[in-house]
Protein backbone atom coordinates (compact mmCIF):
# COMPACT_ATOMS: atom_id res chain seq x y z
CA MET A 1 1.13 -4.95 -23.80
CA ALA A 2 -0.53 -2.13 -25.27
CA SER A 3 0.90 0.44 -22.61
CA SER A 4 4.22 -0.18 -23.99
CA VAL A 5 3.54 0.18 -27.71
CA THR A 6 5.83 2.56 -29.33
CA ALA A 7 4.97 5.06 -31.99
CA ALA A 8 6.96 3.08 -34.63
CA THR A 9 4.74 0.05 -34.21
CA VAL A 10 1.51 1.85 -34.60
CA ALA A 11 0.30 1.83 -38.34
CA ASN A 12 -0.82 5.06 -39.78
CA ALA A 13 -4.29 5.67 -40.97
CA ALA A 14 -5.90 7.83 -43.40
CA ASN A 15 -7.63 11.13 -42.70
CA SER A 16 -11.19 11.18 -42.01
CA ALA A 17 -13.94 13.84 -41.73
CA VAL A 18 -13.56 13.69 -37.79
CA ASP A 19 -13.50 17.18 -36.31
CA LYS A 20 -9.75 17.42 -35.19
CA THR A 21 -10.03 20.20 -32.93
CA GLY A 22 -13.44 20.15 -31.29
CA SER A 23 -16.13 17.44 -30.13
CA ALA A 24 -13.45 14.40 -30.40
CA PHE A 25 -11.09 16.07 -27.78
CA LYS A 26 -14.02 17.05 -25.35
CA ALA A 27 -15.45 13.76 -25.69
CA LEU A 28 -12.00 12.17 -24.72
CA SER A 29 -11.41 14.39 -21.79
CA TYR A 30 -14.84 13.19 -20.35
CA TYR A 31 -14.20 9.73 -20.95
CA LEU A 32 -10.76 9.80 -19.43
CA ALA A 33 -12.13 11.02 -15.97
CA LYS A 34 -14.99 8.81 -15.88
CA ASN A 35 -12.70 5.87 -16.69
CA GLU A 36 -10.65 7.18 -13.40
CA VAL A 37 -13.81 7.18 -11.14
CA ALA A 38 -14.30 3.53 -11.96
CA LEU A 39 -10.74 2.28 -11.52
CA TYR A 40 -9.49 3.95 -8.51
CA PRO A 41 -11.70 2.02 -5.83
CA LYS A 42 -10.32 -1.21 -7.10
CA TRP A 43 -6.72 -0.29 -5.87
CA ASN A 44 -7.78 1.64 -2.87
CA ILE A 45 -6.47 -0.77 0.14
CA TYR A 46 -4.49 1.36 2.54
CA ASP A 47 -5.81 4.60 1.06
CA GLN A 48 -9.15 3.85 2.38
CA LEU A 49 -7.92 3.51 5.81
CA PHE A 50 -5.50 6.49 6.19
CA GLY A 51 -5.93 8.69 3.01
CA SER A 52 -7.68 11.72 4.52
CA ILE A 53 -5.56 14.75 3.99
CA LYS A 54 -6.73 17.08 1.40
CA TRP A 55 -3.91 18.70 -0.53
CA GLN A 56 -3.99 22.00 -2.76
CA PRO A 57 -1.20 23.84 -4.49
CA ASN A 58 0.71 26.38 -2.14
CA MET A 59 -0.03 24.58 1.06
CA GLY A 60 3.67 24.23 1.70
CA SER A 61 6.30 21.40 1.34
CA VAL A 62 6.31 20.25 4.81
CA LEU A 63 3.26 18.39 6.20
CA THR A 64 2.91 19.10 10.12
CA GLY A 65 0.63 16.70 12.38
CA THR A 66 -0.47 18.10 15.73
CA THR A 67 -2.04 15.22 17.90
CA PRO A 68 -3.49 16.35 21.12
CA THR A 69 -2.54 14.02 24.15
CA PRO A 70 -5.02 13.18 26.84
CA SER A 71 -3.84 13.10 30.56
CA PRO A 72 -2.91 9.70 31.94
CA VAL A 73 -5.25 7.53 34.07
CA LEU A 74 -3.16 7.37 37.38
CA ARG A 75 -5.73 5.75 39.76
CA THR A 76 -6.29 2.27 40.51
CA THR A 77 -8.70 2.95 43.40
CA PHE A 78 -10.64 6.11 44.25
CA MET A 79 -12.39 7.46 47.46
CA PRO A 80 -13.52 10.96 47.76
CA GLU A 81 -13.67 13.08 50.84
CA VAL A 82 -16.92 13.17 53.05
CA LEU A 83 -18.92 16.23 52.50
CA THR A 84 -17.95 17.76 55.98
CA ASN A 85 -14.14 17.77 55.01
CA PHE A 86 -12.55 20.09 52.54
CA PRO A 87 -12.64 17.92 49.10
CA LYS A 88 -9.34 16.99 47.25
CA LYS A 89 -9.01 17.69 43.67
CA ASP A 90 -7.10 16.19 40.62
CA GLN A 91 -5.69 18.43 38.27
CA PHE A 92 -5.33 17.24 34.60
CA THR A 93 -3.20 18.70 31.80
CA VAL A 94 -3.74 18.01 28.37
CA GLY A 95 -0.83 18.03 26.04
CA GLU A 96 0.24 17.96 22.23
CA ARG A 97 3.01 16.43 20.19
CA THR A 98 3.92 17.33 16.69
CA GLU A 99 5.51 15.59 13.86
CA ASP A 100 6.79 16.88 10.55
CA ALA A 101 6.99 15.22 7.25
CA SER A 102 8.38 16.44 4.05
CA LEU A 103 5.97 15.97 1.14
CA GLY A 104 7.22 14.32 -2.30
CA MET A 105 6.22 14.54 -5.73
CA HIS A 106 6.24 11.96 -8.64
CA ARG A 107 5.55 11.88 -12.22
CA PHE A 108 3.96 9.14 -14.25
CA GLU A 109 4.00 8.87 -17.99
CA SER A 110 2.91 6.51 -20.57
CA ASN A 111 4.77 5.68 -23.75
CA ARG A 112 4.01 8.26 -26.79
CA PHE A 113 1.36 7.13 -29.23
CA ARG A 114 0.97 8.04 -32.63
CA PHE A 115 -2.15 10.32 -33.19
CA LEU A 116 -4.75 9.12 -35.68
CA SER A 117 -7.35 11.67 -36.59
CA ASN A 118 -10.01 9.01 -36.76
CA PHE A 119 -8.99 7.48 -33.35
CA GLU A 120 -12.16 5.72 -32.23
CA SER A 121 -10.76 2.15 -32.86
CA PHE A 122 -7.39 3.27 -31.78
CA TRP A 123 -8.65 4.56 -28.64
CA ARG A 124 -10.46 1.21 -27.74
CA ASP A 125 -7.63 -0.70 -28.45
CA HIS A 126 -4.65 1.21 -27.13
CA LEU A 127 -5.13 4.66 -25.56
CA SER A 128 -7.94 3.16 -23.21
CA TYR A 129 -5.77 0.34 -22.16
CA ALA A 130 -2.62 2.75 -21.49
CA GLN A 131 -4.87 5.13 -19.63
CA SER A 132 -6.29 2.45 -17.31
CA ASP A 133 -2.81 1.13 -16.73
CA ILE A 134 -1.43 4.33 -15.71
CA VAL A 135 -4.30 5.12 -13.35
CA ARG A 136 -3.62 1.80 -11.87
CA GLN A 137 -0.03 2.47 -11.40
CA ILE A 138 -0.50 5.75 -9.52
CA GLN A 139 -2.92 4.13 -7.18
CA ASN A 140 -0.80 1.52 -6.61
CA ALA A 141 2.07 3.84 -5.84
CA ASN A 142 -0.04 5.71 -3.51
CA ASN A 143 -0.97 2.56 -1.36
CA THR A 144 2.62 1.07 -1.59
CA PHE A 145 3.84 4.35 -0.15
CA ILE A 146 1.25 4.31 2.69
CA ARG A 147 2.40 0.57 3.33
CA THR A 148 6.08 1.68 3.31
CA LEU A 149 5.27 4.11 6.12
CA MET A 150 3.33 1.55 7.98
CA TYR A 151 6.27 -1.11 7.70
CA TYR A 152 9.45 1.06 8.47
CA GLN A 153 7.68 3.64 11.11
CA ALA A 154 5.95 1.11 13.18
CA PRO A 155 7.84 0.86 16.50
CA ASP A 156 7.26 -2.88 16.86
CA ALA A 157 6.43 -6.05 14.94
CA TYR A 158 4.74 -9.27 15.83
CA VAL A 159 6.75 -12.35 14.89
CA VAL A 160 4.06 -15.33 14.49
CA GLY A 161 4.69 -18.08 17.05
CA GLN A 162 7.30 -16.08 19.15
CA GLY A 163 5.58 -12.68 19.96
CA LEU A 164 6.63 -9.08 19.93
CA SER A 165 10.04 -8.04 18.40
CA SER A 166 10.78 -5.90 21.28
CA GLN A 167 10.12 -9.02 23.87
CA ILE A 168 11.96 -11.92 22.09
CA ALA A 169 15.73 -12.56 21.98
CA HIS A 170 16.98 -11.42 18.51
CA SER A 171 20.51 -11.95 17.43
CA GLY A 172 22.82 -9.01 18.60
CA SER A 173 21.44 -5.69 18.34
CA ILE A 174 18.66 -6.44 15.87
CA LYS A 175 15.17 -5.36 17.08
CA LYS A 176 12.38 -3.65 15.15
CA THR A 177 12.44 0.10 15.68
CA SER A 178 10.65 3.13 13.91
CA LEU A 179 12.40 4.78 11.22
CA ALA A 180 12.36 8.52 10.27
CA GLN A 181 10.95 9.54 6.99
CA SER A 182 14.40 10.99 6.07
CA ASP A 183 15.95 7.47 6.73
CA ILE A 184 13.27 5.65 4.68
CA ARG A 185 13.93 7.98 1.72
CA THR A 186 17.57 6.38 1.43
CA ILE A 187 15.74 2.95 0.73
CA GLU A 188 15.28 2.57 -2.79
CA ASN A 189 12.51 -0.05 -3.91
CA GLY A 190 13.10 -2.13 -0.74
CA LEU A 191 16.77 -2.39 -0.91
CA ASP A 192 17.38 -1.71 2.85
CA THR A 193 20.52 -3.67 3.27
CA ALA A 194 23.60 -2.25 5.21
CA GLY A 195 25.52 -1.84 2.11
CA ALA A 196 22.69 0.17 0.31
CA THR A 197 21.57 2.14 3.42
CA THR A 198 23.11 2.02 6.99
CA THR A 199 23.41 -0.83 9.22
CA ALA A 200 21.09 0.76 11.71
CA ILE A 201 18.43 0.54 9.20
CA ALA A 202 19.26 -3.14 8.26
CA GLN A 203 18.96 -4.19 11.88
CA SER A 204 15.93 -2.30 12.75
CA SER A 205 13.64 -2.79 10.02
CA GLY A 206 15.53 -3.95 7.04
CA ASP A 207 17.05 -7.38 5.65
CA GLN A 208 19.01 -8.36 8.78
CA PHE A 209 15.84 -7.70 10.97
CA ARG A 210 13.70 -9.79 8.45
CA GLN A 211 16.47 -12.58 8.17
CA ASP A 212 16.60 -12.92 11.94
CA CYS A 213 12.88 -13.57 11.85
CA THR A 214 13.25 -16.36 9.46
CA ASP A 215 15.98 -18.52 11.01
CA GLY A 216 17.80 -16.21 13.51
CA SER A 217 20.97 -16.20 11.48
CA ALA A 218 21.37 -12.61 11.12
CA GLY A 219 23.96 -12.33 13.97
CA GLY A 220 26.31 -14.69 12.30
CA SER A 221 25.04 -18.02 13.45
CA ASP A 222 22.08 -20.20 12.36
CA ASP A 223 20.85 -20.64 15.95
CA GLY A 224 17.25 -20.40 15.14
CA ASP A 225 16.51 -17.80 17.88
CA VAL A 226 13.06 -16.21 16.35
CA PRO A 227 12.03 -18.42 13.34
CA ALA A 228 8.44 -17.16 12.28
CA SER A 229 5.86 -19.86 12.03
CA THR A 230 2.69 -19.95 9.85
CA ILE A 231 -0.22 -17.58 10.66
CA SER A 232 -3.13 -18.85 12.60
CA LEU A 233 -6.35 -17.59 14.14
CA LYS A 234 -4.80 -17.99 17.65
CA GLU A 235 -1.85 -15.97 16.60
CA ILE A 236 -4.18 -13.14 15.08
CA PHE A 237 -6.05 -13.13 18.37
CA LYS A 238 -2.90 -12.74 20.29
CA ALA A 239 -1.62 -9.78 18.05
CA MET A 240 -5.21 -8.39 18.48
CA LEU A 241 -4.79 -8.39 22.14
CA VAL A 242 -1.49 -6.48 21.77
CA LEU A 243 -3.35 -3.71 20.13
CA GLN A 244 -6.41 -3.84 22.25
CA GLU A 245 -4.80 -4.16 25.75
CA ASP A 246 -1.10 -3.23 25.69
CA ILE A 247 -1.30 -0.31 23.18
CA GLN A 248 -5.02 0.47 23.47
CA ALA A 249 -5.30 1.52 19.83
CA PRO A 250 -8.74 2.75 18.76
CA THR A 251 -10.66 0.70 16.43
CA PHE A 252 -12.13 2.08 13.12
CA ASP A 253 -15.45 3.94 12.80
CA ARG A 254 -15.17 4.99 9.20
CA LEU A 255 -13.49 4.80 5.75
CA HIS A 256 -11.77 7.57 3.64
CA ASN A 257 -12.31 8.36 -0.04
CA VAL A 258 -15.21 6.07 -0.37
CA PRO A 259 -18.85 6.97 -1.20
CA LYS A 260 -20.29 5.33 1.80
CA THR A 261 -19.00 4.00 5.05
CA SER A 262 -18.60 0.33 5.27
CA GLU A 263 -20.49 -1.39 8.19
CA MET A 264 -17.68 -3.93 8.43
CA VAL A 265 -15.06 -1.96 9.76
CA LYS A 266 -17.08 -0.22 12.45
CA GLY A 267 -15.67 -1.07 16.03
CA LYS A 268 -12.92 -3.38 14.61
CA TYR A 269 -9.18 -3.66 13.62
CA VAL A 270 -8.42 -4.34 10.20
CA LEU A 271 -6.11 -7.18 9.22
CA ILE A 272 -4.37 -6.58 5.90
CA CYS A 273 -3.07 -9.55 4.44
CA SER A 274 -3.04 -11.83 1.28
CA THR A 275 -5.71 -13.81 -0.09
CA GLU A 276 -3.38 -16.93 0.52
CA ALA A 277 -2.90 -16.32 4.17
CA TRP A 278 -6.59 -15.78 4.54
CA ALA A 279 -7.62 -19.21 2.81
CA SER A 280 -5.34 -20.96 4.95
CA LEU A 281 -7.43 -19.84 8.13
CA LEU A 282 -10.40 -21.67 6.73
CA TRP A 283 -8.82 -24.99 7.76
CA ASP A 284 -7.56 -23.57 11.10
CA THR A 285 -7.36 -26.08 13.83
CA ASN A 286 -8.37 -23.78 16.43
CA LEU A 287 -11.93 -23.25 14.96
CA ARG A 288 -14.50 -25.13 17.01
CA THR A 289 -16.24 -27.44 14.68
CA GLY A 290 -18.03 -29.74 16.78
CA HIS A 291 -14.97 -31.72 18.48
CA THR A 292 -15.92 -33.55 21.45
CA THR A 293 -12.41 -34.00 22.87
CA ALA A 294 -11.79 -31.72 25.67
CA GLY A 295 -9.12 -29.07 24.66
CA ALA A 296 -9.19 -29.98 21.14
CA THR A 297 -10.28 -26.47 20.11
CA GLN A 298 -9.69 -23.12 21.65
CA LEU A 299 -11.34 -20.46 19.82
CA ALA A 300 -15.29 -19.71 19.04
CA PRO A 301 -16.52 -19.86 15.47
CA ALA A 302 -15.20 -17.08 12.98
CA ASN A 303 -17.26 -15.80 10.27
CA LEU A 304 -14.48 -16.02 7.50
CA ASN A 305 -16.81 -16.19 4.64
CA LEU A 306 -18.51 -12.75 5.40
CA LEU A 307 -17.85 -10.35 2.37
CA GLN A 308 -19.00 -6.70 2.28
CA ASP A 309 -17.75 -3.53 0.51
CA GLY A 310 -14.09 -4.90 -0.06
CA PHE A 311 -13.62 -6.48 3.58
CA ALA A 312 -13.80 -10.04 4.40
CA GLY A 313 -14.65 -11.90 7.46
CA ASP A 314 -15.53 -11.35 11.27
CA LEU A 315 -12.72 -12.69 13.71
CA PHE A 316 -13.92 -12.58 17.24
CA GLY A 317 -16.11 -9.72 16.78
CA LYS A 318 -13.06 -7.51 16.63
CA VAL A 319 -11.15 -7.97 13.37
CA THR A 320 -12.04 -7.75 9.99
CA ALA A 321 -9.77 -8.37 6.88
CA LYS A 322 -8.82 -6.40 3.55
CA PHE A 323 -6.92 -8.04 0.99
CA ASP A 324 -3.49 -6.67 -0.41
CA PRO A 325 -3.13 -8.11 -3.87
CA PHE A 326 0.82 -7.70 -3.72
CA PRO A 327 1.70 -8.12 0.02
CA MET A 328 5.27 -7.62 1.28
CA ARG A 329 7.14 -11.00 0.83
CA PHE A 330 10.88 -12.05 1.23
CA ASP A 331 13.05 -14.98 1.09
CA HIS A 332 14.93 -16.38 4.10
CA ASN A 333 17.92 -14.06 3.71
CA GLY A 334 15.46 -11.27 4.46
CA THR A 335 15.54 -9.85 0.80
CA PHE A 336 11.96 -8.41 -0.56
CA VAL A 337 10.85 -10.07 -3.93
CA VAL A 338 9.15 -8.11 -6.43
CA PRO A 339 5.44 -9.51 -7.36
CA GLN A 340 5.66 -9.41 -11.23
CA LYS A 341 8.22 -9.58 -14.09
CA GLU A 342 8.00 -9.45 -17.80
CA SER A 343 8.70 -12.68 -19.90
CA GLY A 344 8.03 -12.97 -23.63
CA GLY A 345 6.19 -9.72 -23.91
CA LYS A 346 3.78 -10.61 -21.18
CA VAL A 347 3.49 -9.55 -17.44
CA VAL A 348 3.42 -12.65 -15.27
CA PRO A 349 3.84 -13.47 -11.65
CA ASN A 350 7.37 -13.60 -10.45
CA PRO A 351 7.84 -17.29 -9.80
CA ALA A 352 10.16 -16.45 -6.83
CA TYR A 353 7.09 -14.49 -5.29
CA THR A 354 4.66 -17.12 -5.59
CA ALA A 355 6.97 -20.14 -4.75
CA ILE A 356 7.08 -21.41 -1.11
CA GLY A 357 10.31 -23.39 0.14
CA ASN A 358 13.01 -23.49 2.72
CA GLY A 359 15.22 -21.00 0.82
CA ASP A 360 17.94 -23.58 -0.04
CA THR A 361 16.44 -24.32 -3.49
CA GLY A 362 13.76 -23.18 -5.85
CA PHE A 363 13.66 -19.77 -8.03
CA ASP A 364 15.71 -16.94 -7.68
CA LYS A 365 14.51 -13.40 -7.77
CA ASP A 366 15.04 -13.06 -11.43
CA GLY A 367 13.35 -16.28 -11.96
CA SER A 368 16.28 -18.71 -12.53
CA THR A 369 16.06 -22.06 -10.77
CA ASN A 370 18.08 -23.69 -8.23
CA ASP A 371 19.01 -20.91 -6.14
CA ALA A 372 17.76 -19.26 -2.72
CA GLY A 373 15.21 -17.01 -3.41
CA ASN A 374 11.72 -18.35 -2.67
CA ALA A 375 9.70 -15.54 -0.94
CA SER A 376 8.63 -17.98 1.74
CA TYR A 377 7.78 -15.30 4.29
CA GLU A 378 5.18 -12.48 4.27
CA ILE A 379 3.93 -9.38 6.10
CA ALA A 380 0.56 -8.52 7.10
CA PHE A 381 -0.74 -5.74 9.32
CA LEU A 382 -3.12 -5.38 11.84
CA VAL A 383 -3.87 -1.72 12.24
CA GLY A 384 -6.37 0.49 14.43
CA ALA A 385 -7.78 3.92 13.59
CA ASP A 386 -5.65 6.96 13.10
CA ALA A 387 -2.11 5.27 12.85
CA PHE A 388 -1.33 7.31 9.96
CA LYS A 389 -2.75 10.11 7.84
CA ALA A 390 -1.96 10.37 4.15
CA ILE A 391 -2.70 12.78 1.50
CA ASN A 392 -5.39 11.95 -1.24
CA VAL A 393 -4.23 11.08 -4.41
CA GLY A 394 -7.40 10.91 -6.66
CA PRO A 395 -10.09 10.08 -7.49
CA PRO A 396 -11.76 13.27 -9.01
CA PRO A 397 -13.95 15.44 -6.46
CA LYS A 398 -17.58 13.89 -5.90
CA GLU A 399 -18.77 16.98 -7.70
CA PHE A 400 -17.76 15.23 -11.16
CA ALA A 401 -20.57 12.57 -10.51
CA SER A 402 -23.20 15.07 -10.36
CA LYS A 403 -25.96 15.28 -13.10
CA ASN A 404 -25.50 18.93 -13.81
CA MET A 405 -21.77 18.62 -14.98
CA ASN A 406 -20.87 20.60 -17.86
CA ALA A 407 -17.64 21.53 -19.72
CA LYS A 408 -17.13 24.59 -17.87
CA LYS A 409 -17.15 22.86 -14.51
CA PHE A 410 -15.28 19.83 -15.84
CA TYR A 411 -12.26 21.87 -17.08
CA SER A 412 -12.14 23.86 -13.93
CA MET A 413 -11.47 21.02 -11.73
CA LYS A 414 -8.20 19.58 -10.83
CA TRP A 415 -7.33 16.97 -8.47
CA ASN A 416 -3.88 15.36 -7.34
CA GLY A 417 -2.88 12.88 -9.57
CA GLU A 418 -5.05 13.89 -12.32
CA VAL A 419 -4.22 12.01 -15.67
CA THR A 420 -3.97 14.10 -18.83
CA LEU A 421 -3.40 13.59 -22.45
CA THR A 422 -0.67 15.85 -24.00
CA ASP A 423 1.27 16.55 -27.38
CA GLN A 424 3.97 18.73 -25.76
CA PHE A 425 7.11 16.75 -25.73
CA LEU A 426 10.13 15.96 -28.04
CA VAL A 427 9.83 13.39 -30.61
CA PRO A 428 12.77 11.70 -32.72
CA THR A 429 13.25 12.76 -36.29
CA SER A 430 14.95 10.84 -39.23
CA GLY A 431 16.60 13.94 -40.79
CA THR A 432 15.63 16.55 -43.53
CA ALA A 433 16.73 17.36 -46.79
CA ILE A 434 18.90 19.96 -45.45
CA SER A 435 20.39 17.65 -42.57
CA ALA A 436 20.23 13.84 -42.76
CA THR A 437 21.35 13.48 -39.24
CA PRO A 438 18.68 12.16 -36.90
CA GLY A 439 17.65 14.07 -33.85
CA THR A 440 14.93 15.40 -31.89
CA GLU A 441 12.13 18.42 -32.29
CA LEU A 442 9.00 19.44 -30.72
CA ASN A 443 5.91 17.67 -31.41
CA VAL A 444 4.54 20.70 -33.21
CA TYR A 445 2.41 18.86 -35.78
CA GLY A 446 0.75 16.75 -32.81
CA ASP A 447 1.62 13.61 -34.50
CA TYR A 448 1.86 11.83 -31.00
CA LEU A 449 0.19 11.74 -27.66
CA LYS A 450 1.06 10.92 -24.21
CA PHE A 451 -0.51 10.36 -20.89
CA ILE A 452 1.13 12.26 -17.99
CA SER A 453 0.35 12.71 -14.30
CA GLN A 454 1.89 14.47 -11.33
CA ALA A 455 1.13 13.56 -7.76
CA VAL A 456 1.99 15.12 -4.52
CA ILE A 457 2.42 12.18 -2.05
CA GLY A 458 2.91 12.42 1.71
CA GLY A 459 2.09 10.78 4.94
CA ILE A 460 2.47 11.18 8.70
CA ALA A 461 2.06 9.09 11.64
CA GLY A 462 -0.87 9.83 14.02
CA ASP A 463 0.25 7.09 16.36
CA ALA A 464 2.45 4.39 14.70
CA ARG A 465 2.17 2.25 17.47
CA TYR A 466 -1.43 1.42 16.42
CA CYS A 467 0.19 -0.36 13.31
CA LEU A 468 1.20 -3.75 13.97
CA PRO A 469 3.15 -5.55 11.14
CA ILE A 470 2.98 -9.37 11.58
CA ILE A 471 5.77 -11.49 10.26
CA TYR A 472 5.00 -15.27 9.30
CA LYS A 473 5.96 -18.12 7.00
CA ARG A 474 3.72 -18.66 4.16
CA ARG A 475 1.65 -21.77 3.53
CA ARG A 476 -0.78 -23.18 1.21
CA THR A 477 -3.83 -25.28 2.30
CA SER A 478 -3.24 -28.94 1.18
């Protein structure tokens, strides 16, 4: 792929009359930013729901969230005193709670490219693609970070076909609990096994917890205590009732980081799931489709085909869906499986990620056959408003799109996760007439270019109870 092209594979080109220091780079800078504006919305999944904190340099390294807490409702009946008596009174105390989270920083870079003075065709074929790719990866990383908080900090989970993790019989001490961000930082790319982190993490949200949701064998015996079944409209409705009645989570009324507010989300909870899971609901037996047999169906019609502003469907007037292109999937051992792999110089879907099986045969996580590695289980999220708050990572400020933009205004704007083009780095050398030993030197001649970006990433729970992970067995419509 173009973003992995090394400098050695890029052919040299003859010098031309292009201005090497002026208009070419100015035009390039403008084009980079416009490309970012176009690309970021395509990867805003979780960021649209929770990315609402503006971060600027020197704001500190710790994010503190202060949440006011209302006084509780303690009456089931009420009758005031008559006017001739001295009235009684209720006195209410409003409290607050705080939560701290340490901010993180991550850097993103492309491979280096050989600079061509006449780079018009080179930009179209290589630089443009590489810049698009790094923008995509930055936004994907930010969305994955928010999803990581949602999964590990949620205090409970809904196991399809069984119910809430807090109310079903797991093996041993296994049960979904909330993890602190300091514990989550010990997990490297989904490796949340007891050997990689701690047993407490493995049992509360890690591989032992997920394995127990597949066959109940995490406690040492395959007793089938809490096997997750396939997702259905009825199970989504039951999970929605948990948010609405048991947790009393608020519904959404707006989106973040978007030019306009979607009407699809107002007054509803949001189900974040795969297109595969959503497609299976189209054939759900619980849909009322003119059956005459009493009790044949249980639910009123659901408008699953409604699409608007990146959202889909209207379930029960209470839930709308948003699709995650790379949902969290794991095999029957509770091990996460990565979505893609590289094969023959191409990026292709990981066969273990797409295959569905019982776990005893199929594709291993590295793509080999006849091994227990199929990602047969998936995690969706049913969320209410204000479950989390996250720092915005791109896109550029709205002022960029104004018609009166000029070079001075453009170069004064900086944003979190901005992608820039630089020639300030070391390059390998093949030796000189004085010393034939290869080494490195500064790119003082400007022969090479590289895309770089640095983003401050952070998030904090508003009320993590408003986020409910839903664990289920995958299925395809047959």
